[in-house]
Protein backbone atom coordinates (compact mmCIF):
# COMPACT_ATOMS: atom_id res chain seq x y z
CA UNK A 1 -6.43 5.25 4.33
CA UNK A 2 -5.47 8.70 3.15
CA UNK A 3 -8.33 10.68 1.66
CA UNK A 4 -6.23 13.81 1.29
CA UNK A 5 -2.60 14.57 0.52
CA UNK A 6 -2.09 15.36 4.22
CA UNK A 7 -2.76 11.72 5.16
CA UNK A 8 -0.05 10.31 2.89
CA UNK A 9 2.89 11.04 5.24
CA UNK A 10 1.10 9.14 8.03
CA UNK A 11 0.81 6.06 5.83
CA UNK A 12 4.45 6.49 4.75
CA UNK A 13 5.47 6.59 8.42
CA UNK A 14 3.55 3.35 9.09
CA UNK A 15 5.30 1.63 6.15
CA UNK A 16 8.66 2.89 7.46
CA UNK A 17 7.86 1.44 10.91
CA UNK A 18 7.05 -1.92 9.34
CA UNK A 19 10.33 -1.87 7.41
CA UNK A 20 12.22 -1.05 10.61
CA UNK A 21 10.50 -3.87 12.51
CA UNK A 22 11.34 -6.33 9.72
CA UNK A 23 15.01 -5.33 9.77
CA UNK A 24 15.24 -5.60 13.58
CA UNK A 25 13.76 -9.10 13.43
CA UNK A 26 16.05 -10.17 10.56
CA UNK A 27 13.13 -10.76 8.21
CA UNK A 28 12.27 -9.58 4.70
CA UNK A 29 9.15 -8.42 2.92
CA UNK A 30 8.23 -10.16 -0.30
CA UNK A 31 7.91 -6.90 -2.23
CA UNK A 32 6.35 -8.77 -5.13
CA UNK A 33 3.33 -9.45 -2.92
CA UNK A 34 3.05 -5.88 -1.63
CA UNK A 35 1.01 -3.32 -3.51
CA UNK A 36 -1.13 -0.23 -3.29
CA UNK A 37 -4.83 -0.04 -4.13
CA UNK A 38 -5.89 3.60 -4.49
CA UNK A 39 -9.52 4.09 -3.48
CA UNK A 40 -11.82 7.05 -4.13
CA UNK A 41 -12.28 9.65 -6.82
CA UNK A 42 -10.18 12.35 -5.18
CA UNK A 43 -7.31 10.08 -4.21
CA UNK A 44 -3.97 11.85 -4.75
CA UNK A 45 -2.42 8.56 -6.04
CA UNK A 46 0.65 9.03 -3.84
CA UNK A 47 3.59 6.71 -4.59
CA UNK A 48 4.72 4.65 -1.59
CA UNK A 49 8.15 3.10 -1.05
CA UNK A 50 9.15 -0.05 0.75
CA UNK A 51 12.85 0.23 1.42
CA UNK A 52 14.42 1.64 -1.74
CA UNK A 53 11.80 0.46 -4.22
CA UNK A 54 8.42 1.88 -5.13
CA UNK A 55 5.37 -0.25 -4.39
CA UNK A 56 3.35 -1.06 -7.48
CA UNK A 57 -0.16 0.31 -7.64
CA UNK A 58 -3.06 -1.54 -9.19
CA UNK A 59 -6.72 -1.00 -9.91
CA UNK A 60 -7.72 -4.42 -8.48
CA UNK A 61 -6.47 -6.74 -5.72
CA UNK A 62 -7.45 -10.23 -4.60
CA UNK A 63 -7.76 -11.01 -0.89
CA UNK A 64 -9.05 -14.34 0.42
CA UNK A 65 -10.35 -15.16 -3.06
CA UNK A 66 -12.35 -11.94 -3.40
CA UNK A 67 -11.43 -9.39 -6.05
CA UNK A 68 -11.77 -5.77 -4.92
CA UNK A 69 -11.29 -2.92 -7.36
CA UNK A 70 -10.65 0.80 -6.87
CA UNK A 71 -14.42 1.43 -6.91
CA UNK A 72 -14.95 -1.16 -4.15
CA UNK A 73 -16.73 -3.49 -6.55
CA UNK A 74 -16.31 -7.03 -5.29
CA UNK A 75 -16.52 -10.29 -7.19
């Protein structure tokens, strides 16, 4: 999680490492299932890339049947 603009390059580097690992293992990400959930009031809303395409951001994501929004409200 990046709570300041300085943390965004670290997340970008992690995403790049994942992309490199996937390529070395002859696999692919399903980019349609990858997304960014920006949390916090002061979040810089940095745009992340996976390969050549931007990852879509959303205000709510579902994980294991639980909806989590950008305010950490769960339902």
